Amino acid sequence: MYPRLRNLREDKDLSQTQMAKILGMSQTGYSKYETGENDIPTSILIKLARYHNTSVDYLLGLTDRKEPY
């Protein structure tokens, strides 16, 4: 459901485990965000956008512009 999360993570050559550690959570929890099994909390969306230097709208597929506002 959120393929951009996976693509951004893989662009940095990070595993799900490494990304989860950056976010302070479990690999399983992070994996469920990438697959859309769990909704992503706002606080995690903000952390992801900041880490990847993009916007929350880009992560959610609302825009194709990677640049943050």
C-alpha atoms as a PDB file:
ATOM      1  CA  MET A   1       0.000   0.000   0.000  1.00  0.00           C
ATOM      2  CA  TYR A   2       2.927   2.345   0.676  1.00  0.00           C
ATOM      3  CA  PRO A   3       5.483   1.321  -1.969  1.00  0.00           C
ATOM      4  CA  ARG A   4       7.248   4.664  -1.623  1.00  0.00           C
ATOM      5  CA  LEU A   5       8.311   3.755   1.902  1.00  0.00           C
ATOM      6  CA  ARG A   6       9.990   0.640   0.609  1.00  0.00           C
ATOM      7  CA  ASN A   7      11.552   2.422  -2.359  1.00  0.00           C
ATOM      8  CA  LEU A   8      12.997   5.217  -0.219  1.00  0.00           C
ATOM      9  CA  ARG A   9      14.341   2.702   2.300  1.00  0.00           C
ATOM     10  CA  GLU A  10      15.925   0.577  -0.413  1.00  0.00           C
ATOM     11  CA  ASP A  11      17.413   3.676  -2.090  1.00  0.00           C
ATOM     12  CA  LYS A  12      19.439   4.124   1.110  1.00  0.00           C
ATOM     13  CA  ASP A  13      20.341   0.418   1.197  1.00  0.00           C
ATOM     14  CA  LEU A  14      18.586  -0.052   4.522  1.00  0.00           C
ATOM     15  CA  SER A  15      16.894  -3.213   5.738  1.00  0.00           C
ATOM     16  CA  GLN A  16      13.520  -3.077   7.445  1.00  0.00           C
ATOM     17  CA  THR A  17      15.327  -3.864  10.692  1.00  0.00           C
ATOM     18  CA  GLN A  18      17.656  -0.889  10.271  1.00  0.00           C
ATOM     19  CA  MET A  19      14.770   1.460   9.397  1.00  0.00           C
ATOM     20  CA  ALA A  20      12.775   0.211  12.357  1.00  0.00           C
ATOM     21  CA  LYS A  21      15.729   0.880  14.664  1.00  0.00           C
ATOM     22  CA  ILE A  22      15.992   4.450  13.339  1.00  0.00           C
ATOM     23  CA  LEU A  23      12.307   4.908  14.169  1.00  0.00           C
ATOM     24  CA  GLY A  24      12.607   3.203  17.563  1.00  0.00           C
ATOM     25  CA  MET A  25      10.266   0.338  16.792  1.00  0.00           C
ATOM     26  CA  SER A  26      10.230  -3.353  15.870  1.00  0.00           C
ATOM     27  CA  GLN A  27      10.920  -4.677  12.379  1.00  0.00           C
ATOM     28  CA  THR A  28       7.508  -6.353  12.361  1.00  0.00           C
ATOM     29  CA  GLY A  29       5.780  -3.082  13.174  1.00  0.00           C
ATOM     30  CA  TYR A  30       7.632  -1.255  10.433  1.00  0.00           C
ATOM     31  CA  SER A  31       6.925  -4.035   7.926  1.00  0.00           C
ATOM     32  CA  LYS A  32       3.202  -3.635   8.547  1.00  0.00           C
ATOM     33  CA  TYR A  33       3.472   0.024   7.544  1.00  0.00           C
ATOM     34  CA  GLU A  34       5.132  -0.846   4.232  1.00  0.00           C
ATOM     35  CA  THR A  35       2.471  -3.431   3.404  1.00  0.00           C
ATOM     36  CA  GLY A  36      -0.412  -1.240   4.550  1.00  0.00           C
ATOM     37  CA  GLU A  37      -1.484  -3.765   7.174  1.00  0.00           C
ATOM     38  CA  ASN A  38      -1.298  -1.008   9.806  1.00  0.00           C
ATOM     39  CA  ASP A  39      -1.966   2.687   9.396  1.00  0.00           C
ATOM     40  CA  ILE A  40       1.073   4.869   9.979  1.00  0.00           C
ATOM     41  CA  PRO A  41       0.751   7.216  12.963  1.00  0.00           C
ATOM     42  CA  THR A  42       1.300  10.897  12.259  1.00  0.00           C
ATOM     43  CA  SER A  43       4.423  11.021  14.419  1.00  0.00           C
ATOM     44  CA  ILE A  44       6.019   8.194  12.403  1.00  0.00           C
ATOM     45  CA  LEU A  45       5.034   9.829   9.103  1.00  0.00           C
ATOM     46  CA  ILE A  46       6.782  13.015  10.203  1.00  0.00           C
ATOM     47  CA  LYS A  47       9.915  11.100  11.240  1.00  0.00           C
ATOM     48  CA  LEU A  48       9.965   9.259   7.910  1.00  0.00           C
ATOM     49  CA  ALA A  49       9.496  12.457   5.908  1.00  0.00           C
ATOM     50  CA  ARG A  50      12.295  14.180   7.799  1.00  0.00           C
ATOM     51  CA  TYR A  51      14.636  11.210   7.511  1.00  0.00           C
ATOM     52  CA  HIS A  52      14.060  10.853   3.768  1.00  0.00           C
ATOM     53  CA  ASN A  53      13.966  14.636   3.217  1.00  0.00           C
ATOM     54  CA  THR A  54      10.554  14.533   1.579  1.00  0.00           C
ATOM     55  CA  SER A  55       6.966  15.453   2.406  1.00  0.00           C
ATOM     56  CA  VAL A  56       4.292  13.420   4.139  1.00  0.00           C
ATOM     57  CA  ASP A  57       2.157  13.982   1.030  1.00  0.00           C
ATOM     58  CA  TYR A  58       4.801  12.241  -1.075  1.00  0.00           C
ATOM     59  CA  LEU A  59       4.951   9.288   1.314  1.00  0.00           C
ATOM     60  CA  LEU A  60       1.174   8.919   1.151  1.00  0.00           C
ATOM     61  CA  GLY A  61       1.068   9.179  -2.637  1.00  0.00           C
ATOM     62  CA  LEU A  62      -0.771  12.507  -2.706  1.00  0.00           C
ATOM     63  CA  THR A  63       1.943  14.171  -4.791  1.00  0.00           C
ATOM     64  CA  ASP A  64       4.760  13.043  -7.043  1.00  0.00           C
ATOM     65  CA  ARG A  65       7.086  15.822  -5.843  1.00  0.00           C
ATOM     66  CA  LYS A  66       9.764  14.359  -3.570  1.00  0.00           C
ATOM     67  CA  GLU A  67      10.959  17.755  -2.333  1.00  0.00           C
ATOM     68  CA  PRO A  68       9.647  18.823   1.062  1.00  0.00           C
ATOM     69  CA  TYR A  69       7.589  21.993   1.241  1.00  0.00           C
END
